[in-house]
Amino acid sequence: MPYVNIKITKEKEAVSAEQKRALIAGVTKLLGDTLKRDASRTVVVIEEVSTDDYGFGGESITELRSKQGK
């Protein structure tokens, strides 16, 4: 049973339910087409992570963005 975990940062403009549905459907189709997996047995989880809790290169995304003026 394929299990996919998609992690994205929480932004000011939230990811809509429609966008999440599209991600779930698209990833499920990709696995089915590529790996010949049964869509009914594919699990997709989307997690939205605070930019304070998401780091890159030793700094949080919040810190990195503040340095870039965003």
Protein backbone atom coordinates (compact mmCIF):
# COMPACT_ATOMS: atom_id res chain seq x y z
CA MET A 1 0.00 0.00 0.00
CA PRO A 2 1.64 3.27 -1.07
CA TYR A 3 1.78 6.04 1.53
CA VAL A 4 2.72 9.57 0.49
CA ASN A 5 3.23 12.45 2.92
CA ILE A 6 3.22 15.93 1.37
CA LYS A 7 4.53 18.68 3.64
CA ILE A 8 4.04 22.32 2.73
CA THR A 9 4.54 25.54 4.63
CA LYS A 10 1.54 27.39 5.99
CA GLU A 11 1.31 30.64 4.09
CA LYS A 12 -0.78 33.79 4.45
CA GLU A 13 -2.91 32.53 1.59
CA ALA A 14 -4.02 29.09 2.67
CA VAL A 15 -3.96 26.11 0.37
CA SER A 16 -7.59 25.59 -0.58
CA ALA A 17 -9.56 22.38 -0.17
CA GLU A 18 -9.77 22.24 -3.98
CA GLN A 19 -5.97 22.43 -4.30
CA LYS A 20 -5.58 19.68 -1.70
CA ARG A 21 -8.08 17.48 -3.54
CA ALA A 22 -6.10 18.05 -6.75
CA LEU A 23 -2.84 17.06 -5.03
CA ILE A 24 -4.38 13.91 -3.58
CA ALA A 25 -5.93 12.91 -6.91
CA GLY A 26 -2.77 13.73 -8.88
CA VAL A 27 -0.40 11.84 -6.61
CA THR A 28 -2.74 8.85 -6.49
CA LYS A 29 -2.96 8.81 -10.31
CA LEU A 30 0.83 9.14 -10.65
CA LEU A 31 1.41 6.14 -8.38
CA GLY A 32 -1.24 4.15 -10.21
CA ASP A 33 0.21 4.97 -13.64
CA THR A 34 3.85 4.58 -12.65
CA LEU A 35 3.79 1.72 -10.15
CA LYS A 36 0.52 0.08 -11.26
CA ARG A 37 -0.89 0.49 -7.75
CA ASP A 38 -4.56 0.25 -6.87
CA ALA A 39 -5.86 3.77 -6.16
CA SER A 40 -8.17 2.47 -3.44
CA ARG A 41 -5.13 1.34 -1.46
CA THR A 42 -3.10 4.54 -1.83
CA VAL A 43 -2.83 6.87 1.17
CA VAL A 44 -1.95 10.56 0.74
CA VAL A 45 -1.50 12.88 3.72
CA ILE A 46 -0.99 16.63 3.40
CA GLU A 47 0.59 18.42 6.35
CA GLU A 48 0.86 22.18 6.60
CA VAL A 49 3.86 23.19 8.68
CA SER A 50 4.48 26.58 10.27
CA THR A 51 7.46 28.39 8.73
CA ASP A 52 8.87 28.56 12.28
CA ASP A 53 8.90 24.75 12.36
CA TYR A 54 10.40 24.21 8.90
CA GLY A 55 14.13 24.72 8.50
CA PHE A 56 16.67 24.81 5.72
CA GLY A 57 20.42 25.30 6.03
CA GLY A 58 20.25 25.67 9.80
CA GLU A 59 17.61 28.40 9.86
CA SER A 60 13.84 28.44 9.92
CA ILE A 61 11.99 29.48 6.79
CA THR A 62 10.67 32.46 8.78
CA GLU A 63 14.24 33.64 9.46
CA LEU A 64 15.36 33.09 5.88
CA ARG A 65 12.41 35.01 4.49
CA SER A 66 12.96 37.91 6.89
CA LYS A 67 16.53 38.23 5.60
CA GLN A 68 15.21 38.30 2.04
CA GLY A 69 12.67 40.99 2.93
CA LYS A 70 9.64 38.79 2.25
